[in-house]
Every structure is written in C-alpha cells, then in structure tokens.
N, C-alpha and C. Protein backbone atom coordinates (compact mmCIF):
# COMPACT_ATOMS: atom_id res chain seq x y z
N MET A 1 -85.29 15.83 22.46
CA MET A 1 -84.63 17.13 22.45
C MET A 1 -83.62 17.16 23.60
N THR A 2 -82.41 17.61 23.31
CA THR A 2 -81.38 17.70 24.35
C THR A 2 -81.44 19.05 25.03
N VAL A 3 -81.12 19.04 26.29
CA VAL A 3 -81.10 20.27 27.09
C VAL A 3 -79.65 20.64 27.34
N ASP A 4 -79.31 21.88 27.02
CA ASP A 4 -77.95 22.36 27.25
C ASP A 4 -77.82 22.73 28.72
N THR A 5 -77.00 21.97 29.44
CA THR A 5 -76.84 22.24 30.87
C THR A 5 -75.67 23.16 31.15
N GLY A 6 -75.01 23.66 30.13
CA GLY A 6 -73.91 24.58 30.33
C GLY A 6 -72.56 23.89 30.21
N LYS A 7 -71.53 24.67 30.39
CA LYS A 7 -70.16 24.18 30.27
C LYS A 7 -69.68 23.67 31.62
N ARG A 8 -68.74 22.76 31.59
CA ARG A 8 -68.18 22.18 32.81
C ARG A 8 -66.78 22.73 33.04
N ILE A 9 -66.48 23.04 34.29
CA ILE A 9 -65.15 23.45 34.71
C ILE A 9 -64.74 22.50 35.83
N SER A 10 -63.55 21.94 35.73
CA SER A 10 -63.08 21.09 36.82
C SER A 10 -61.67 21.50 37.20
N THR A 11 -61.34 21.29 38.46
CA THR A 11 -60.02 21.64 38.95
C THR A 11 -59.66 20.74 40.13
N ARG A 12 -58.40 20.59 40.35
CA ARG A 12 -57.93 19.82 41.50
C ARG A 12 -57.42 20.80 42.54
N VAL A 13 -57.77 20.54 43.79
CA VAL A 13 -57.33 21.40 44.89
C VAL A 13 -56.81 20.52 46.02
N SER A 14 -56.04 21.13 46.88
CA SER A 14 -55.51 20.40 48.03
C SER A 14 -56.65 20.09 49.01
N PRO A 15 -56.46 19.10 49.86
CA PRO A 15 -57.49 18.80 50.87
C PRO A 15 -57.82 20.01 51.74
N HIS A 16 -56.81 20.82 52.07
CA HIS A 16 -57.04 22.01 52.89
C HIS A 16 -57.96 23.00 52.16
N VAL A 17 -57.67 23.26 50.89
CA VAL A 17 -58.50 24.19 50.12
C VAL A 17 -59.91 23.64 49.99
N HIS A 18 -60.04 22.37 49.69
CA HIS A 18 -61.36 21.75 49.56
C HIS A 18 -62.14 21.89 50.87
N GLY A 19 -61.48 21.61 51.98
CA GLY A 19 -62.14 21.71 53.28
C GLY A 19 -62.61 23.12 53.58
N THR A 20 -61.77 24.08 53.29
CA THR A 20 -62.13 25.48 53.53
C THR A 20 -63.32 25.90 52.67
N LEU A 21 -63.27 25.54 51.38
CA LEU A 21 -64.38 25.87 50.49
C LEU A 21 -65.67 25.18 50.93
N GLN A 22 -65.56 23.92 51.32
CA GLN A 22 -66.75 23.18 51.76
C GLN A 22 -67.34 23.79 53.02
N THR A 23 -66.48 24.18 53.96
CA THR A 23 -66.95 24.81 55.19
C THR A 23 -67.69 26.10 54.87
N ALA A 24 -67.11 26.91 54.00
CA ALA A 24 -67.75 28.17 53.63
C ALA A 24 -69.09 27.91 52.94
N ALA A 25 -69.13 26.94 52.04
CA ALA A 25 -70.38 26.60 51.35
C ALA A 25 -71.44 26.15 52.35
N ASP A 26 -71.03 25.32 53.30
CA ASP A 26 -71.97 24.85 54.33
C ASP A 26 -72.51 26.01 55.16
N LEU A 27 -71.64 26.96 55.47
CA LEU A 27 -72.05 28.10 56.30
C LEU A 27 -73.11 28.96 55.61
N VAL A 28 -73.03 29.09 54.30
CA VAL A 28 -74.02 29.90 53.58
C VAL A 28 -75.16 29.05 53.03
N GLY A 29 -75.07 27.75 53.19
CA GLY A 29 -76.19 26.88 52.83
C GLY A 29 -76.32 26.58 51.35
N VAL A 30 -75.20 26.45 50.66
CA VAL A 30 -75.23 26.09 49.24
C VAL A 30 -74.28 24.92 49.00
N THR A 31 -74.39 24.33 47.83
CA THR A 31 -73.46 23.25 47.50
C THR A 31 -72.08 23.83 47.24
N LEU A 32 -71.10 22.97 47.29
CA LEU A 32 -69.73 23.39 47.02
C LEU A 32 -69.62 23.99 45.61
N ASN A 33 -70.24 23.32 44.63
CA ASN A 33 -70.19 23.84 43.26
C ASN A 33 -70.84 25.21 43.16
N GLN A 34 -72.01 25.38 43.78
CA GLN A 34 -72.68 26.68 43.74
C GLN A 34 -71.80 27.76 44.36
N PHE A 35 -71.15 27.42 45.49
CA PHE A 35 -70.30 28.38 46.18
C PHE A 35 -69.12 28.79 45.31
N VAL A 36 -68.46 27.81 44.73
CA VAL A 36 -67.27 28.09 43.91
C VAL A 36 -67.65 28.91 42.68
N VAL A 37 -68.74 28.53 42.01
CA VAL A 37 -69.17 29.27 40.82
C VAL A 37 -69.53 30.71 41.18
N GLN A 38 -70.27 30.89 42.28
CA GLN A 38 -70.67 32.25 42.67
C GLN A 38 -69.45 33.09 43.03
N ALA A 39 -68.52 32.52 43.79
CA ALA A 39 -67.32 33.26 44.18
C ALA A 39 -66.48 33.62 42.95
N ALA A 40 -66.33 32.67 42.04
CA ALA A 40 -65.55 32.93 40.83
C ALA A 40 -66.23 33.99 39.97
N LEU A 41 -67.54 33.92 39.86
CA LEU A 41 -68.28 34.90 39.06
C LEU A 41 -68.15 36.30 39.65
N GLU A 42 -68.26 36.42 40.98
CA GLU A 42 -68.11 37.73 41.62
C GLU A 42 -66.72 38.30 41.34
N LYS A 43 -65.70 37.47 41.46
CA LYS A 43 -64.32 37.92 41.20
C LYS A 43 -64.16 38.31 39.73
N ALA A 44 -64.69 37.50 38.83
CA ALA A 44 -64.59 37.78 37.40
C ALA A 44 -65.25 39.11 37.05
N GLU A 45 -66.43 39.37 37.63
CA GLU A 45 -67.13 40.63 37.36
C GLU A 45 -66.32 41.82 37.86
N LYS A 46 -65.66 41.68 39.02
CA LYS A 46 -64.81 42.76 39.54
C LYS A 46 -63.62 43.02 38.62
N VAL A 47 -63.01 41.94 38.13
CA VAL A 47 -61.85 42.09 37.23
C VAL A 47 -62.28 42.77 35.95
N VAL A 48 -63.39 42.33 35.36
CA VAL A 48 -63.87 42.92 34.11
C VAL A 48 -64.20 44.40 34.33
N GLU A 49 -64.86 44.71 35.42
CA GLU A 49 -65.20 46.11 35.72
C GLU A 49 -63.93 46.94 35.90
N SER A 50 -62.99 46.41 36.63
CA SER A 50 -61.74 47.12 36.89
C SER A 50 -60.96 47.38 35.61
N GLU A 51 -60.92 46.40 34.72
CA GLU A 51 -60.17 46.52 33.48
C GLU A 51 -60.92 47.32 32.42
N SER A 52 -62.21 47.59 32.64
CA SER A 52 -63.02 48.31 31.67
C SER A 52 -63.21 49.78 32.04
N THR A 53 -62.68 50.17 33.18
CA THR A 53 -62.90 51.52 33.68
C THR A 53 -61.59 52.29 33.72
N ILE A 54 -61.65 53.53 33.30
CA ILE A 54 -60.50 54.42 33.39
C ILE A 54 -60.84 55.47 34.45
N SER A 55 -59.98 55.59 35.43
CA SER A 55 -60.18 56.59 36.47
C SER A 55 -59.25 57.76 36.23
N LEU A 56 -59.83 58.95 36.23
CA LEU A 56 -59.05 60.17 36.03
C LEU A 56 -59.19 61.06 37.25
N THR A 57 -58.14 61.80 37.52
CA THR A 57 -58.23 62.81 38.57
C THR A 57 -59.09 63.96 38.02
N ARG A 58 -59.48 64.85 38.89
CA ARG A 58 -60.26 66.02 38.45
C ARG A 58 -59.47 66.80 37.41
N ARG A 59 -58.20 66.98 37.66
CA ARG A 59 -57.34 67.73 36.72
C ARG A 59 -57.28 67.04 35.36
N GLU A 60 -57.09 65.71 35.37
CA GLU A 60 -57.05 64.95 34.12
C GLU A 60 -58.39 65.01 33.38
N SER A 61 -59.48 64.95 34.13
CA SER A 61 -60.81 65.03 33.52
C SER A 61 -61.02 66.37 32.83
N LEU A 62 -60.62 67.44 33.50
CA LEU A 62 -60.76 68.77 32.92
C LEU A 62 -59.89 68.92 31.67
N ARG A 63 -58.68 68.36 31.71
CA ARG A 63 -57.78 68.41 30.55
C ARG A 63 -58.37 67.65 29.38
N LEU A 64 -58.94 66.48 29.65
CA LEU A 64 -59.57 65.68 28.60
C LEU A 64 -60.74 66.44 27.96
N LEU A 65 -61.58 67.03 28.78
CA LEU A 65 -62.71 67.81 28.25
C LEU A 65 -62.22 68.99 27.42
N GLU A 66 -61.17 69.65 27.88
CA GLU A 66 -60.59 70.77 27.13
C GLU A 66 -60.09 70.29 25.77
N MET A 67 -59.40 69.13 25.75
CA MET A 67 -58.88 68.60 24.48
C MET A 67 -60.01 68.21 23.52
N ILE A 68 -61.11 67.71 24.07
CA ILE A 68 -62.25 67.34 23.23
C ILE A 68 -62.91 68.60 22.64
N GLU A 69 -63.10 69.60 23.49
CA GLU A 69 -63.75 70.83 23.04
C GLU A 69 -62.86 71.69 22.15
N ASN A 70 -61.56 71.67 22.40
CA ASN A 70 -60.61 72.48 21.64
C ASN A 70 -59.41 71.62 21.24
N PRO A 71 -59.60 70.77 20.24
CA PRO A 71 -58.49 69.88 19.86
C PRO A 71 -57.32 70.69 19.29
N PRO A 72 -56.11 70.16 19.44
CA PRO A 72 -54.95 70.86 18.89
C PRO A 72 -55.03 70.86 17.36
N PRO A 73 -54.33 71.79 16.70
CA PRO A 73 -54.36 71.82 15.24
C PRO A 73 -53.76 70.53 14.67
N ARG A 74 -54.27 70.13 13.54
CA ARG A 74 -53.79 68.91 12.89
C ARG A 74 -52.43 69.17 12.26
N ASN A 75 -51.48 68.29 12.56
CA ASN A 75 -50.15 68.46 12.00
C ASN A 75 -50.02 67.67 10.69
N ALA A 76 -48.87 67.76 10.06
CA ALA A 76 -48.65 67.11 8.76
C ALA A 76 -48.81 65.60 8.84
N LYS A 77 -48.30 64.99 9.91
CA LYS A 77 -48.42 63.53 10.05
C LYS A 77 -49.88 63.10 10.13
N PHE A 78 -50.66 63.86 10.88
CA PHE A 78 -52.09 63.54 11.00
C PHE A 78 -52.77 63.65 9.64
N LEU A 79 -52.51 64.74 8.93
CA LEU A 79 -53.15 64.95 7.63
C LEU A 79 -52.75 63.85 6.63
N LEU A 80 -51.50 63.42 6.67
CA LEU A 80 -51.04 62.34 5.80
C LEU A 80 -51.74 61.04 6.15
N ALA A 81 -51.84 60.74 7.43
CA ALA A 81 -52.52 59.53 7.88
C ALA A 81 -54.00 59.56 7.50
N GLN A 82 -54.62 60.72 7.63
CA GLN A 82 -56.03 60.87 7.28
C GLN A 82 -56.23 60.63 5.78
N ALA A 83 -55.34 61.15 4.97
CA ALA A 83 -55.44 60.97 3.52
C ALA A 83 -55.27 59.49 3.15
N ARG A 84 -54.29 58.82 3.80
CA ARG A 84 -54.09 57.37 3.54
C ARG A 84 -55.32 56.58 3.94
N TYR A 85 -55.90 56.90 5.08
CA TYR A 85 -57.10 56.21 5.55
C TYR A 85 -58.25 56.37 4.55
N LYS A 86 -58.47 57.60 4.10
CA LYS A 86 -59.55 57.84 3.15
C LYS A 86 -59.32 57.08 1.85
N LYS A 87 -58.07 57.02 1.39
CA LYS A 87 -57.75 56.29 0.16
C LYS A 87 -58.02 54.79 0.33
N VAL A 88 -57.57 54.23 1.45
CA VAL A 88 -57.80 52.80 1.71
C VAL A 88 -59.28 52.51 1.82
N LYS A 89 -60.00 53.37 2.50
CA LYS A 89 -61.44 53.20 2.67
C LYS A 89 -62.16 53.26 1.33
N ASN A 90 -61.78 54.24 0.49
CA ASN A 90 -62.39 54.35 -0.82
C ASN A 90 -62.04 53.17 -1.72
N ASP A 91 -60.78 52.72 -1.66
CA ASP A 91 -60.37 51.56 -2.46
C ASP A 91 -61.14 50.31 -2.05
N ALA A 92 -61.33 50.13 -0.74
CA ALA A 92 -62.05 48.96 -0.23
C ALA A 92 -63.50 48.99 -0.63
N SER A 93 -64.12 50.16 -0.59
CA SER A 93 -65.54 50.24 -0.95
C SER A 93 -65.75 50.08 -2.45
N SER A 94 -64.78 50.50 -3.25
CA SER A 94 -64.94 50.37 -4.71
C SER A 94 -64.70 48.93 -5.16
N THR A 95 -63.88 48.17 -4.45
CA THR A 95 -63.63 46.76 -4.84
C THR A 95 -64.73 45.85 -4.33
N SER A 96 -65.49 46.26 -3.32
CA SER A 96 -66.54 45.39 -2.79
C SER A 96 -67.83 45.54 -3.57
N GLN A 97 -67.91 46.46 -4.48
CA GLN A 97 -69.15 46.66 -5.24
C GLN A 97 -69.20 45.88 -6.50
C-alpha cells in the first residue's frame, strides 16, 4: 500500500534569502522546509481571509440592513429578467425529465 506524503513545492532562491530563511528556522527550532511551509500557510490564510471578508462602515451596514428589510420596488427590467429566469429554469427542468 502506498502512502500519500502530499504535494511537493520547490523554488530557487538567492543565497541571501536562503541564509535568512535558514537562520529564522534555526531560531525557532524547525527545519527550513517546516519554516517555509508554515510561513507560507500563515500568509495564505491571511490572504484568503482578507479576500473573503467585506468590511462596511456603520453607515453602510445600516443602509444594507434597510435595503434588505425594505427593498426598492421592482422595476420593469427586474421583472423581465425574473420572467426570463423562470422560463429558462422551467425549460431546463422539463428537458431533464
């Protein structure tokens, strides 16, 4: 039985970068690979969190809640789009049966 050890990532770095990373890894008592993977993972998690979050001011939050609770009246374009959507949805469900 084979054991999946995970995916491999490799990169080339300058001697200066390698030395700095190795020094940092030595200071925290981990291997260079462990240090690089942990640092990259921490950065990746921050990026994902940052790109997945919308920050609103208090005023914007209140406006959003107002729009949710009291949406504006539906205009002609919306009603037309809604009718097209329902037609496409009904056509798709009738052809899949």
